[in-house]
Structure formats: structure tokens, C-alpha cells
């Protein structure tokens, strides 16, 4: 099938050297690690902890973070091999194109692009909420019409998106420096939460550590985990099943190491630095998440944790208002980097797809001075700003999670395929115990996907069907491998040199 035509690894790498598509290589292993931490430590740790502890897992939310971290670690090992072997923008999209073919690659690219766009918009709305809360505590609240619970247009959310768009256009190195400063603030705040919180832990709040299973409104109807519906189990929260259901939600807190892979072309030594950046950022964040979640549920009973600002409100509950204010500042910093790096990842995925003419090729132009994909970045910045200004704050973690887990499944499968089809490729990092680790990654990701709500699956299916229609209507005919594009390059076999 033409829709499964494969773009060789050599051709993908050769495309990065075209003058009009060449990106500036400025990033080091430290930059990549900081990027990973910047996007991982954000909404998950500042917002989701309270929600899943209250509704699904109780104090055992720390175990949910461990489960999600293990699943991510398995996928990270697969990502690290691919990112160092195929150091090309596009992340899972590019990996799928080199192994499974064009249509699966399109589906993954479509999935990642839309999720990052929607995710950046809604996180920007959350940023606006924290800003307004902080200003209220200083006695200077913003008017409800631009920043209240239901504003006509959320101006702060739109403005932060546009500011970060300008930062991304100016250059990847500036983006990394801005990110380093913000991440430093964020990590200092988290260290404060852990150290100061230790003095206010009440051991009684840990009992029972795993609350008994029970039915709750949070898992009724379409909100029930799909796996419990499929097997005819009465949907319940808490207990052991609640830990896994919560893990499927807090998985959102780990999304970020895959965004690191989208910066492959802008890394000075991708074969060495990408695996370091991916694995280091994941390891650091797992330790932080477990520590913070244990402290928060120890300070305040899980039933009373805030869903919107669990860390800050837990400290307010024990009279540490000054700490709550600092945490709000850290949350602002955290959400800023999440928005910026989601937009970075989104623009790089679209850049790779446009370079392949699956999206209009003109969008893949690189700025002559800054060497960034400025057209895509500006267009997406405006779209995200409009969405952020108009969308109400809603829970998007589940929808982002299912798409990301789906991408992890594809990457894990692709590692095994590429080992068999291209054993000759130089691999500076090799996933250990292949095919065992990729198989475990696939099974673990699928299990977490099944623990997501039924309504999330329905939205995901609709999203993918729209992507299929767009591919059939545009991408299939305009692809550079189709034979109809003026920039067409015929597909190459595994051992054939790419066409010039």
C-alpha cells in the first residue's frame, strides 16, 4: 500500500541539511534535561495531585506516580534509542515514518500536534488563574471580564502565549535560557514544599494509605474507566484499582521527555545528549513527584485537598500563608515553561510534517537569521492564543494522556521493527533487553489507556477520524513520496541510497 510507504532514515537525516530547512544546533544535554524538567514539572504536580488523591487514590497517590513513572521509563528507553539513531525533528512522527510507514506516521503527527496545541491553550488558562489569584492576594485583582471564572476573553492567557511565541521565534537557545531561569525558580519552590512540609506532616493522614474501594460520582457513567466497563466490573474508586486509575491520570504529569525528542535537530551532539536529556529529566521528576505527593497528603487529609491549587492550599491550612504565596509564584513559573515547551514541540512536529508535504510545504520555511520555523510558530501561536482566550478551563489531562500513550505504543513497536529492518544503523544508545522492554512498554501503556474514562476514548476516536479525512483529502496526494509533488523523492529501500 502506498499509504504505508516508508521514508528511509538516511533520507530523513538528509532533509535536515537542506539550507531552507536547516535548524540551528545550539542545545546541550543540560539544555535538554532542563527542557524536559520544564515541561514535566508543571500542571501535574501543581494541580493534578489534589484531584486524583481526592477522587481516586487517597494517600496512595504516591504509588500512582511510581506506576506512571515506571511506564514512562519503559517508553523512555525506546525513545532514547530512536532519538539518538534518527536525530530529526518530529519525534514519534519521524520514528513511525521510518518504520511503519506514512499513514501511521501521519496519525501520530496529527495526534501529537492537536494535543500539544490544546494542552498549551488550557495550561495557559490555568496560568491566568494562578496570576489572578496571586494578584488578588496583593489586593489588585483583574476585572472578571478578562480574567475571572468565566471571562469574555481571557486576556492574560492569550498574552502569555503570544510572548512565548516571540521567544520561540527568536531562537531555541534563548528559549532554553528562559527555561533554565524559570525551572530554577520552580525547583526551588518544590524544594521548599518538601523541606518545610516535613515539619507539618500528621501521620494520621496516611491512614489508611490505600482507602477501601467504593463507588463515587467521579467514576459513574462515561467517566468510568474503560477496563472496568469492558470486564463488567462495577466502577469503583480507591483501593488497588483506584491506584491504577489515578496512574492513568497523573501520567499527564510526566509528559515532556517525548517533547525533548522533538528538538533532536537543534542538539549539538544528539547521539549522546538526547538519551541523557530524556532519561535524566524523567528520573529527576519521578523523585520530586513522589516526595511532593507524600508531603502534601501528610500535611492535609486527602479528602480536603484543593483540586485547583493543592500545594498552596495545603500550606494555607497549616497557617503558612507566606509559603502558599511562594508556591503560587512557583506554579506560575511552572505553567509558563509547560506552555512554552508544548508550543515548541507542536511547532517541530508540524515542521517535520510540512517538510514532507503532508501539510503545506511552505510552512516549513526557516527564518534566515534565527534559524527557527517561524511561520509555523507564529501561526500556531496565534491559534493557541485565541483558544486560550476563548476556552474555559477544563480537564484535558485524559485526552492528552491517551494520545501520548498511543504514541508511546507506536514508538515501542517501531524500535523492534527498526532493529530487524536496519540492524546496520549506528546506535549510540541501545534499548536493553529487546524485544522484552518494548513489549513491556506496549503492554503497560495499553493498560493505562484502558484505565482512562470511556468519554476520553470516544473523543480520541473522533479526533483520529478527522485526521484520517485530512490525510485522504490532502496529505496522501501531496506527500513528497507520492510522485505528484514537485519536491518528490522516491522512497528508498533499506539498503538503497536516498534519491538526490
Protein backbone atom coordinates (compact mmCIF):
# COMPACT_ATOMS: atom_id res chain seq x y z
CA UNK A 1 0.00 0.00 0.00
CA UNK A 2 1.24 3.48 -0.90
CA UNK A 3 -0.12 4.74 2.41
CA UNK A 4 2.49 2.54 4.13
CA UNK A 5 5.43 3.85 2.08
CA UNK A 6 8.47 4.28 4.31
CA UNK A 7 10.82 7.23 4.38
CA UNK A 8 14.31 5.91 4.99
CA UNK A 9 16.41 7.05 7.94
CA UNK A 10 19.08 8.36 5.54
CA UNK A 11 16.51 10.43 3.67
CA UNK A 12 15.14 11.88 6.91
CA UNK A 13 18.64 12.89 8.01
CA UNK A 14 19.49 14.27 4.54
CA UNK A 15 16.40 16.51 4.65
CA UNK A 16 17.78 18.27 7.73
CA UNK A 17 20.74 19.54 5.67
CA UNK A 18 18.66 21.44 3.08
CA UNK A 19 19.56 25.15 3.51
CA UNK A 20 15.93 26.29 3.62
CA UNK A 21 15.12 23.71 6.30
CA UNK A 22 18.31 23.70 8.39
CA UNK A 23 17.81 24.46 12.08
CA UNK A 24 20.48 25.91 14.36
CA UNK A 25 22.24 23.32 16.56
CA UNK A 26 22.57 25.04 19.92
CA UNK A 27 21.34 22.63 22.58
CA UNK A 28 23.41 20.57 25.03
CA UNK A 29 22.49 17.64 27.29
CA UNK A 30 21.90 20.14 30.12
CA UNK A 31 19.58 22.20 27.92
CA UNK A 32 17.60 19.09 27.00
CA UNK A 33 17.37 17.93 30.62
CA UNK A 34 16.13 21.36 31.66
CA UNK A 35 13.62 21.37 28.79
CA UNK A 36 12.34 18.01 29.98
CA UNK A 37 12.03 19.15 33.59
CA UNK A 38 10.48 22.40 32.39
CA UNK A 39 7.55 20.70 30.72
CA UNK A 40 7.24 17.72 33.08
CA UNK A 41 7.12 19.74 36.30
CA UNK A 42 4.00 21.81 35.78
CA UNK A 43 0.31 21.05 35.69
CA UNK A 44 0.76 17.54 37.06
CA UNK A 45 2.49 18.42 40.27
CA UNK A 46 0.78 21.76 40.89
CA UNK A 47 -2.78 20.73 40.02
CA UNK A 48 -3.45 17.01 39.44
CA UNK A 49 -2.13 15.75 42.79
CA UNK A 50 -5.12 17.11 44.69
CA UNK A 51 -7.70 15.88 42.22
CA UNK A 52 -6.56 12.27 41.98
CA UNK A 53 -5.92 11.97 45.73
CA UNK A 54 -9.45 13.20 46.50
CA UNK A 55 -11.27 11.23 43.82
CA UNK A 56 -9.29 8.05 43.10
CA UNK A 57 -6.34 7.01 45.24
CA UNK A 58 -6.15 8.80 48.60
CA UNK A 59 -2.66 8.95 50.17
CA UNK A 60 -1.57 6.20 47.76
CA UNK A 61 -1.29 8.85 45.03
CA UNK A 62 2.48 8.47 45.55
CA UNK A 63 2.17 4.87 44.30
CA UNK A 64 0.23 6.14 41.28
CA UNK A 65 3.16 8.41 40.43
CA UNK A 66 5.51 5.43 40.78
CA UNK A 67 3.35 3.31 38.43
CA UNK A 68 3.16 6.09 35.85
CA UNK A 69 6.91 6.67 36.20
CA UNK A 70 7.68 3.01 35.52
CA UNK A 71 5.52 3.06 32.38
CA UNK A 72 7.28 6.22 31.22
CA UNK A 73 10.70 4.72 31.96
CA UNK A 74 9.98 1.75 29.69
CA UNK A 75 8.87 4.07 26.89
CA UNK A 76 11.80 6.43 27.57
CA UNK A 77 14.31 3.64 26.88
CA UNK A 78 12.68 3.14 23.47
CA UNK A 79 12.57 6.89 22.79
CA UNK A 80 16.24 7.27 23.71
CA UNK A 81 17.34 4.70 21.12
CA UNK A 82 15.22 6.23 18.39
CA UNK A 83 16.08 9.85 19.16
CA UNK A 84 19.83 9.15 19.12
CA UNK A 85 19.61 6.96 15.98
CA UNK A 86 17.29 9.25 14.00
CA UNK A 87 18.14 12.79 15.26
CA UNK A 88 15.42 14.50 13.24
CA UNK A 89 12.62 16.87 14.32
CA UNK A 90 9.20 15.32 14.70
CA UNK A 91 9.72 12.81 17.50
CA UNK A 92 7.26 9.88 17.25
CA UNK A 93 6.06 11.09 13.82
CA UNK A 94 9.54 10.75 12.32
CA UNK A 95 10.20 7.43 14.06
CA UNK A 96 6.94 5.96 12.73
CA UNK A 97 7.67 7.21 9.18
CA UNK A 98 11.00 5.36 9.18
CA UNK A 99 9.48 2.05 10.28
CA UNK A 100 5.68 1.70 9.98
CA UNK A 101 5.04 3.96 7.01
CA UNK A 102 3.45 7.25 6.03
CA UNK A 103 -0.14 6.77 7.22
CA UNK A 104 0.76 5.60 10.76
CA UNK A 105 3.24 8.49 10.91
CA UNK A 106 0.52 10.93 9.87
CA UNK A 107 -1.83 9.63 12.56
CA UNK A 108 0.84 10.06 15.24
CA UNK A 109 1.79 13.52 13.99
CA UNK A 110 -1.85 14.61 13.86
CA UNK A 111 -2.38 13.25 17.34
CA UNK A 112 0.66 14.99 18.87
CA UNK A 113 0.08 18.29 17.07
CA UNK A 114 -3.50 18.76 18.19
CA UNK A 115 -2.88 17.60 21.73
CA UNK A 116 0.05 19.95 22.24
CA UNK A 117 -1.99 22.82 20.81
CA UNK A 118 -5.00 22.15 23.02
CA UNK A 119 -2.80 21.36 26.01
CA UNK A 120 -0.83 24.62 25.67
CA UNK A 121 -4.07 26.62 25.42
CA UNK A 122 -5.67 25.12 28.51
CA UNK A 123 -2.48 25.30 30.58
CA UNK A 124 -2.29 28.98 29.63
CA UNK A 125 -5.79 29.38 31.07
CA UNK A 126 -4.52 27.75 34.27
CA UNK A 127 -1.58 30.18 34.27
CA UNK A 128 -4.04 33.05 34.08
CA UNK A 129 -5.95 31.65 37.05
CA UNK A 130 -2.80 31.49 39.20
CA UNK A 131 -1.84 35.02 38.16
CA UNK A 132 -5.25 36.38 39.13
CA UNK A 133 -5.12 34.51 42.44
CA UNK A 134 -1.72 35.99 43.22
CA UNK A 135 -2.85 39.50 42.28
CA UNK A 136 -5.93 39.10 44.46
CA UNK A 137 -3.74 38.28 47.44
CA UNK A 138 -1.86 41.51 46.73
CA UNK A 139 -5.14 43.46 46.59
CA UNK A 140 -5.08 44.17 42.84
CA UNK A 141 -7.41 41.63 41.19
CA UNK A 142 -8.00 41.75 37.44
CA UNK A 143 -11.50 42.54 36.10
CA UNK A 144 -13.74 39.46 35.76
CA UNK A 145 -14.39 40.25 32.11
CA UNK A 146 -10.76 39.45 31.21
CA UNK A 147 -9.63 37.04 33.93
CA UNK A 148 -12.50 35.87 36.12
CA UNK A 149 -14.08 32.43 36.37
CA UNK A 150 -15.91 32.91 33.05
CA UNK A 151 -14.26 35.83 31.24
CA UNK A 152 -15.48 37.10 27.89
CA UNK A 153 -11.88 36.84 26.67
CA UNK A 154 -9.06 35.59 28.88
CA UNK A 155 -6.52 38.31 28.13
CA UNK A 156 -3.64 37.18 30.40
CA UNK A 157 -3.79 33.66 28.93
CA UNK A 158 -3.64 34.98 25.37
CA UNK A 159 -0.83 37.43 26.19
CA UNK A 160 1.44 34.82 27.79
CA UNK A 161 1.04 32.63 24.70
CA UNK A 162 1.98 35.50 22.36
CA UNK A 163 5.00 36.45 24.49
CA UNK A 164 6.25 32.87 24.48
CA UNK A 165 5.65 32.67 20.72
CA UNK A 166 8.04 35.61 20.26
CA UNK A 167 10.62 33.87 22.46
CA UNK A 168 10.37 30.70 20.36
CA UNK A 169 10.70 32.62 17.08
CA UNK A 170 13.81 34.50 18.24
CA UNK A 171 15.66 31.29 18.89
CA UNK A 172 15.93 27.92 20.54
CA UNK A 173 18.92 28.98 22.67
CA UNK A 174 17.06 31.98 24.08
CA UNK A 175 14.14 29.64 24.79
CA UNK A 176 16.47 27.31 26.67
CA UNK A 177 17.92 30.17 28.74
CA UNK A 178 14.47 31.47 29.65
CA UNK A 179 13.51 27.93 30.52
CA UNK A 180 16.62 27.45 32.70
CA UNK A 181 15.79 30.52 34.79
CA UNK A 182 12.15 29.54 35.23
CA UNK A 183 12.96 25.91 36.01
CA UNK A 184 15.43 27.05 38.68
CA UNK A 185 12.65 29.04 40.37
CA UNK A 186 10.27 26.12 40.07
CA UNK A 187 12.70 23.60 41.58
CA UNK A 188 13.48 25.98 44.46
CA UNK A 189 9.76 26.19 45.25
CA UNK A 190 9.41 22.42 45.13
CA UNK A 191 12.39 22.04 47.47
CA UNK A 192 10.61 24.47 49.82
CA UNK A 193 7.44 22.36 49.71
CA UNK A 194 9.34 19.20 50.59
CA UNK A 195 11.57 20.63 53.34
CA UNK A 196 9.05 22.95 55.01
CA UNK A 197 6.25 20.43 54.69
CA UNK A 198 8.17 17.76 56.60
CA UNK A 199 7.64 19.74 59.83
CA UNK A 200 3.84 19.73 59.42
CA UNK A 201 3.16 16.12 58.48
CA UNK A 202 0.48 14.37 60.54
CA UNK A 203 0.99 10.61 60.34
CA UNK A 204 -2.74 10.03 60.87
CA UNK A 205 -3.35 11.49 57.41
CA UNK A 206 -1.61 8.44 55.92
CA UNK A 207 -4.11 6.02 57.49
CA UNK A 208 -5.45 4.16 55.61
CA UNK A 209 -2.72 4.59 52.98
CA UNK A 210 -4.88 2.74 50.42
CA UNK A 211 -8.53 3.59 51.21
CA UNK A 212 -11.04 0.77 50.59
CA UNK A 213 -12.73 0.61 47.18
CA UNK A 214 -16.07 2.35 46.80
CA UNK A 215 -18.39 3.77 44.16
CA UNK A 216 -18.19 7.52 43.70
CA UNK A 217 -19.66 10.08 41.25
CA UNK A 218 -16.16 10.51 39.81
CA UNK A 219 -16.37 7.06 38.14
CA UNK A 220 -20.03 6.95 37.07
CA UNK A 221 -21.42 6.77 33.53
CA UNK A 222 -19.00 7.83 30.78
CA UNK A 223 -16.46 8.81 33.46
CA UNK A 224 -15.95 5.14 34.38
CA UNK A 225 -12.57 3.59 33.44
CA UNK A 226 -12.96 1.64 30.19
CA UNK A 227 -11.31 -1.50 31.58
CA UNK A 228 -13.86 -1.76 34.39
CA UNK A 229 -16.73 -1.35 31.89
CA UNK A 230 -15.29 -3.92 29.45
CA UNK A 231 -14.94 -6.59 32.11
CA UNK A 232 -18.30 -5.87 33.74
CA UNK A 233 -16.75 -4.66 36.99
CA UNK A 234 -18.79 -2.16 38.97
CA UNK A 235 -16.76 1.06 38.53
CA UNK A 236 -15.02 1.96 41.78
CA UNK A 237 -12.51 4.48 43.05
CA UNK A 238 -9.77 3.95 45.64
CA UNK A 239 -8.37 0.53 46.51
CA UNK A 240 -5.81 -1.10 44.19
CA UNK A 241 -7.91 -0.35 41.10
CA UNK A 242 -8.03 3.30 42.16
CA UNK A 243 -4.23 3.46 42.20
CA UNK A 244 -4.07 2.37 38.56
CA UNK A 245 -6.95 4.64 37.51
CA UNK A 246 -5.11 7.51 39.21
CA UNK A 247 -1.86 6.49 37.47
CA UNK A 248 -3.60 6.87 34.10
CA UNK A 249 -4.46 10.47 35.07
CA UNK A 250 -1.20 11.54 36.76
CA UNK A 251 0.60 10.16 33.70
CA UNK A 252 -0.06 13.67 32.36
CA UNK A 253 2.49 14.88 34.91
CA UNK A 254 5.27 13.01 33.09
CA UNK A 255 4.58 14.21 29.58
CA UNK A 256 7.70 16.03 28.50
CA UNK A 257 10.52 13.64 27.75
CA UNK A 258 8.90 12.93 24.38
CA UNK A 259 8.94 16.69 23.69
CA UNK A 260 12.70 16.59 24.26
CA UNK A 261 12.95 14.26 21.25
CA UNK A 262 11.33 16.91 19.01
CA UNK A 263 14.43 19.10 19.50
CA UNK A 264 16.75 16.47 18.02
CA UNK A 265 17.83 18.59 15.03
CA UNK A 266 18.78 21.50 17.27
CA UNK A 267 21.08 19.44 19.51
CA UNK A 268 24.85 19.72 19.14
CA UNK A 269 25.58 16.04 19.82
CA UNK A 270 22.19 14.28 19.56
CA UNK A 271 23.54 10.72 19.75
CA UNK A 272 24.97 11.41 23.21
CA UNK A 273 22.86 14.27 24.55
CA UNK A 274 19.34 13.08 23.68
CA UNK A 275 19.40 9.89 25.77
CA UNK A 276 20.90 11.84 28.68
CA UNK A 277 18.25 14.58 28.43
CA UNK A 278 15.35 12.15 28.15
CA UNK A 279 16.31 9.76 30.93
CA UNK A 280 17.73 12.37 33.35
CA UNK A 281 14.66 14.60 33.21
CA UNK A 282 12.36 11.62 33.80
CA UNK A 283 14.40 10.30 36.75
CA UNK A 284 14.63 13.70 38.48
CA UNK A 285 10.90 14.37 38.10
CA UNK A 286 9.87 10.94 39.39
CA UNK A 287 11.77 11.52 42.64
CA UNK A 288 10.26 15.01 43.00
CA UNK A 289 6.70 13.80 42.37
CA UNK A 290 6.82 11.01 44.92
CA UNK A 291 8.34 13.30 47.56
CA UNK A 292 5.86 16.14 47.00
CA UNK A 293 2.78 13.90 46.92
CA UNK A 294 3.79 12.22 50.18
CA UNK A 295 4.32 15.60 51.85
CA UNK A 296 1.03 17.10 50.63
CA UNK A 297 -1.18 14.19 51.73
CA UNK A 298 0.72 14.16 55.01
CA UNK A 299 0.01 17.84 55.71
CA UNK A 300 -3.71 17.79 54.89
CA UNK A 301 -6.26 14.93 54.80
CA UNK A 302 -6.72 13.84 51.20
CA UNK A 303 -10.48 14.45 51.40
CA UNK A 304 -9.84 18.17 51.93
CA UNK A 305 -7.15 18.72 49.31
CA UNK A 306 -7.88 21.50 46.84
CA UNK A 307 -8.35 20.46 43.22
CA UNK A 308 -7.13 23.74 41.71
CA UNK A 309 -4.14 24.54 43.94
CA UNK A 310 -3.47 21.60 46.28
CA UNK A 311 0.08 22.57 47.25
CA UNK A 312 -0.63 26.20 48.09
CA UNK A 313 -3.91 25.48 49.88
CA UNK A 314 -2.36 22.70 51.98
CA UNK A 315 0.15 25.19 53.35
CA UNK A 316 -2.57 27.76 53.95
CA UNK A 317 -4.40 25.13 56.00
CA UNK A 318 -1.47 24.95 58.44
CA UNK A 319 -1.03 28.72 58.62
CA UNK A 320 1.95 29.09 56.28
CA UNK A 321 0.47 31.81 54.06
CA UNK A 322 3.90 33.07 53.02
CA UNK A 323 4.77 29.60 51.72
CA UNK A 324 1.46 29.44 49.84
CA UNK A 325 2.33 32.72 48.10
CA UNK A 326 5.75 31.40 47.07
CA UNK A 327 4.13 28.21 45.80
CA UNK A 328 1.74 30.28 43.66
CA UNK A 329 4.77 32.05 42.17
CA UNK A 330 6.39 28.67 41.52
CA UNK A 331 3.20 27.43 39.89
CA UNK A 332 3.19 30.46 37.59
CA UNK A 333 6.78 29.68 36.64
CA UNK A 334 5.94 26.01 36.18
CA UNK A 335 2.97 26.58 33.93
CA UNK A 336 4.93 29.13 31.87
CA UNK A 337 7.50 26.54 30.86
CA UNK A 338 4.81 23.95 30.16
CA UNK A 339 3.09 26.29 27.70
CA UNK A 340 6.38 27.24 26.03
CA UNK A 341 7.69 23.70 25.58
CA UNK A 342 4.36 22.29 24.43
CA UNK A 343 4.36 25.01 21.76
CA UNK A 344 7.98 24.16 20.91
CA UNK A 345 7.11 20.50 20.46
CA UNK A 346 3.99 21.30 18.47
CA UNK A 347 5.87 23.55 16.03
CA UNK A 348 8.61 20.94 15.47
CA UNK A 349 6.12 18.17 14.74
CA UNK A 350 4.30 20.42 12.25
CA UNK A 351 7.67 21.45 10.77
CA UNK A 352 8.55 17.82 10.07
CA UNK A 353 5.12 17.10 8.58
CA UNK A 354 5.26 20.21 6.37
CA UNK A 355 8.76 19.31 5.17
CA UNK A 356 7.27 16.02 3.98
CA UNK A 357 4.39 17.92 2.29
CA UNK A 358 1.79 16.10 4.39
CA UNK A 359 0.91 19.65 5.43
CA UNK A 360 1.52 22.65 3.09
CA UNK A 361 5.27 22.71 2.36
CA UNK A 362 5.54 26.49 2.53
CA UNK A 363 5.06 26.31 6.30
CA UNK A 364 8.45 24.58 6.69
CA UNK A 365 10.45 27.74 5.93
CA UNK A 366 13.15 28.60 8.45
CA UNK A 367 13.90 32.20 9.48
CA UNK A 368 17.11 33.38 7.72
CA UNK A 369 18.55 34.88 10.92
CA UNK A 370 17.10 32.93 13.84
CA UNK A 371 17.00 29.55 12.03
CA UNK A 372 13.65 28.66 13.58
CA UNK A 373 10.45 27.53 11.81
CA UNK A 374 8.95 30.98 12.27
CA UNK A 375 5.85 30.69 10.04
CA UNK A 376 4.58 27.60 11.83
CA UNK A 377 5.47 29.06 15.23
CA UNK A 378 3.63 32.34 14.57
CA UNK A 379 0.53 30.68 13.09
CA UNK A 380 0.30 28.19 15.93
CA UNK A 381 0.98 30.94 18.48
CA UNK A 382 -1.98 32.96 17.21
CA UNK A 383 -4.26 29.88 17.17
CA UNK A 384 -3.24 28.85 20.70
CA UNK A 385 -3.68 32.45 21.94
CA UNK A 386 -7.23 32.55 20.54
CA UNK A 387 -8.06 29.17 22.07
CA UNK A 388 -6.60 30.26 25.41
CA UNK A 389 -8.61 33.46 25.33
CA UNK A 390 -11.88 31.74 24.49
CA UNK A 391 -11.71 28.27 26.12
CA UNK A 392 -12.96 27.77 29.66
CA UNK A 393 -10.57 25.97 32.00
CA UNK A 394 -11.41 22.27 31.64
CA UNK A 395 -9.76 18.96 32.39
CA UNK A 396 -7.75 17.99 29.32
CA UNK A 397 -5.30 15.65 31.03
CA UNK A 398 -7.17 12.49 29.98
CA UNK A 399 -7.30 13.41 26.28
CA UNK A 400 -3.64 14.36 26.20
CA UNK A 401 -2.76 11.16 28.07
CA UNK A 402 -4.50 8.75 25.72
CA UNK A 403 -2.83 10.28 22.68
CA UNK A 404 0.60 10.29 24.27
CA UNK A 405 0.25 6.70 25.46
CA UNK A 406 -0.79 5.77 21.92
CA UNK A 407 2.37 7.44 20.59
CA UNK A 408 4.45 5.53 23.14
CA UNK A 409 2.94 2.26 21.91
CA UNK A 410 3.90 3.09 18.33
CA UNK A 411 7.47 4.08 19.26
CA UNK A 412 7.96 0.91 21.32
CA UNK A 413 6.78 -1.25 18.39
CA UNK A 414 8.91 0.74 15.95
CA UNK A 415 12.12 0.09 17.91
CA UNK A 416 11.71 -3.66 17.40
CA UNK A 417 10.88 -3.21 13.70
CA UNK A 418 13.89 -0.96 13.04
CA UNK A 419 16.20 -3.42 14.83
CA UNK A 420 15.08 -6.09 12.36
CA UNK A 421 14.90 -3.98 9.17
CA UNK A 422 18.00 -1.83 9.76
CA UNK A 423 20.43 -3.70 12.05
CA UNK A 424 23.27 -1.83 10.28
CA UNK A 425 22.31 1.62 11.65
CA UNK A 426 24.76 3.06 14.20
CA UNK A 427 23.08 3.24 17.61
CA UNK A 428 24.88 5.22 20.31
CA UNK A 429 22.19 4.16 22.78
CA UNK A 430 20.51 0.77 22.59
CA UNK A 431 17.29 -0.11 24.42
CA UNK A 432 18.22 -3.02 26.72
CA UNK A 433 16.59 -6.46 26.50
CA UNK A 434 14.90 -6.02 23.13
CA UNK A 435 12.19 -7.16 22.46
CA UNK A 436 11.27 -7.65 26.15
CA UNK A 437 11.46 -3.99 27.19
CA UNK A 438 9.47 -2.69 24.16
CA UNK A 439 6.82 -5.41 24.70
CA UNK A 440 6.51 -4.48 28.38
CA UNK A 441 6.25 -0.82 27.34
CA UNK A 442 3.42 -1.60 24.90
CA UNK A 443 1.51 -3.67 27.46
CA UNK A 444 1.97 -1.10 30.23
CA UNK A 445 0.85 1.79 28.02
CA UNK A 446 -2.19 -0.12 26.77
CA UNK A 447 -3.15 -0.99 30.35
CA UNK A 448 -3.02 2.66 31.40
CA UNK A 449 -5.04 3.62 28.32
CA UNK A 450 -7.74 1.13 29.34
CA UNK A 451 -7.89 2.79 32.77
CA UNK A 452 -8.93 6.09 31.18
CA UNK A 453 -12.63 7.06 31.08
CA UNK A 454 -14.98 5.90 28.33
CA UNK A 455 -15.68 9.51 27.27
CA UNK A 456 -11.95 10.04 26.70
CA UNK A 457 -11.86 7.08 24.32
CA UNK A 458 -14.85 8.46 22.40
CA UNK A 459 -13.18 11.86 21.96
CA UNK A 460 -9.95 10.17 20.89
CA UNK A 461 -11.70 8.11 18.21
CA UNK A 462 -13.45 11.20 16.80
CA UNK A 463 -10.12 13.07 16.78
CA UNK A 464 -8.42 10.28 14.84
CA UNK A 465 -11.25 10.01 12.30
CA UNK A 466 -10.89 13.70 11.49
CA UNK A 467 -7.17 13.09 10.95
CA UNK A 468 -7.91 10.25 8.52
CA UNK A 469 -10.17 12.54 6.47
CA UNK A 470 -7.48 15.26 6.30
CA UNK A 471 -4.84 12.72 5.23
CA UNK A 472 -7.03 11.30 2.46
CA UNK A 473 -8.06 14.79 1.30
CA UNK A 474 -4.61 16.39 1.32
CA UNK A 475 -1.62 14.50 2.74
CA UNK A 476 -1.81 11.34 0.64
CA UNK A 477 -1.82 13.23 -2.68
CA UNK A 478 0.70 15.94 -1.76
CA UNK A 479 3.25 13.79 0.06
CA UNK A 480 6.82 14.05 -1.22
CA UNK A 481 6.76 10.27 -1.61
CA UNK A 482 3.57 10.30 -3.69
CA UNK A 483 5.14 11.09 -7.06
CA UNK A 484 2.85 14.11 -7.53
CA UNK A 485 4.78 16.70 -5.53
CA UNK A 486 7.34 18.95 -7.28
CA UNK A 487 9.69 18.11 -4.42
CA UNK A 488 9.01 14.40 -4.74
CA UNK A 489 11.67 11.98 -3.70
CA UNK A 490 11.02 8.36 -4.35
CA UNK A 491 11.03 6.07 -1.31
CA UNK A 492 14.28 4.27 -0.70
CA UNK A 493 14.74 0.72 0.39
CA UNK A 494 16.60 -0.24 3.49
CA UNK A 495 19.94 -0.59 1.72
CA UNK A 496 19.50 1.93 -1.08
CA UNK A 497 20.97 5.39 -1.05
CA UNK A 498 18.42 8.18 -0.93
CA UNK A 499 17.47 9.87 -4.17
CA UNK A 500 19.18 13.17 -4.85
